[in-house]
Amino acid sequence: MDGNEKTGKTKKPNPAKWRPQTRLVRGGLERSGFHETSEALYMTSGYVYPNAEEAEAAFKGDIQRFVYSRYANPTVGMFEERMRLLEGAEAARSTSSGMAAVFASLMAQLRAGDRVVAARALFGSCHFIISELLPRYGIETELVDGTDLDQWRKALKKKTKAIFFETPSNPQLEIIDVRAVSNLAHEAGACVVIDNVFASPVLQQPLELGADVVVYSATKHIDGQGRSLGGVILSTNEFAQTTLKDFLRHTGPAISPFNAWLLLKGLETLDLRVMRQMENARVIANFLSKQNKLRRVLHPDLASHPQHALAKKQMKGGGTVVAFDLDGGKPAAFRFLNALRLVDISNNLGDGKSLVTHPATTTHQRLPIEDRERLGITEGLVRLSVGLEDPADVQDDLATALKAV
């Protein structure tokens, strides 16, 4: 008699009937013969075969089984299945980092002569891929103001293979109309790839709004505790099998089983953490909006945000990040950062600890100054990722640091 028979559980439950919070805890769980409570960690690079015939059949694809952990792994598979269920996607493929996910989601489908249109407001490494790396391979790229539908419409009059954008964007928290831009892209025959990392799967579902492919840096909210790198690509089965599969297999951006296990455990508390961090961010944004040493404060839940109405329409909340502009440029920003005692200076975000960074000298320092100015990334701009601390303590720390300015 096995464990299921002893407990009366002779049938597997149907995850399709579960609500999101249940999927975050139990989605993709595959217990071994030891009936462990926690997901098993399979730290193995390869797998053995009972005979040479089965090895041959496995490599020919005649049978489905684990062959090599660069291709698939039981722990990685559980993480991918949980992400798939959460996102409502047909397929999920994990990668070693968020940037590996971004690059693979684009490069796997592009060839020399293809064209990509992207929003101008991008994370520094994403901007590098679009504006510098893809053109090296003969791929034409064009940047537009992501919030301007007329610019998208004009750019998509030319044949386009794919479009790419972040919403909310890093670090300005620009909100792009996912449904409207997706409709324009599909009319032009383009594949819509969206980086949803700032919103997380808890606050925004781009696939429901018309996107074709969604990518995440799982390093951010999904891990949420500063432990692990990881990335995820969510798509249709067709895209995963015909476009991504061989690219991922043969270029090797595989996530380690240990990192996948950490991310699995992170998913269990994702909803709780993001909702609490978002509430804290609202408190901090409202506090900062009343400070006279700041030129502007950006958070999608503030009525002053340029796309506040759109954010309320397509998101379940404004997210965990606040951006603000200090009078006095870089010297004022550095005095502010250096005066913080609770909040840490770090370029990560989505962490349980509140983290602050100066984009102009870190995440976006490679951009020419004219491009930064065009994007509104001033020398005084600070990005704050709000954590799980008591918001009153974070507020006190910010207030003290503002006095140093």
Foldseek 3Di string as FASTA:
>chain_A
DAPCVVVVNPDDDDLLPDDLLVLLQDFLADDDSVPDPAHDQDQDFADDDPDPVVLVCVVVVVDDDTGGVLQPDSLLRSLFRSVCSLLVFAGKDKFQAQVVQVCLLPVLQDAAPAEEEEELQAWQVNNCCQPPVVVVRNYHYYYDHQQDLVRLLVVLVDQHAAYEYEALGPPQRDHHQLLSSLVSQVVSVYAYEYEDAQQPSLWFRSVVSRHAKYKYFCCAQLLQANDGTMMMIGHHPCCCPVRRNVVSSVVRRGHGSVRSSSSSVSSSCSNVWWVLLLVLQVVLQVLVCPDPQWPDKDWLCDPPHPCVVSSVVGTPGRGNKMKTFGPPFQVLQVLLQVQFDQEDDDPGANHQGKYKYQCCVPRNVPDPPVSCVVVVSTSRMMMIGGHNDDSVVVNVRNVRSNVSD
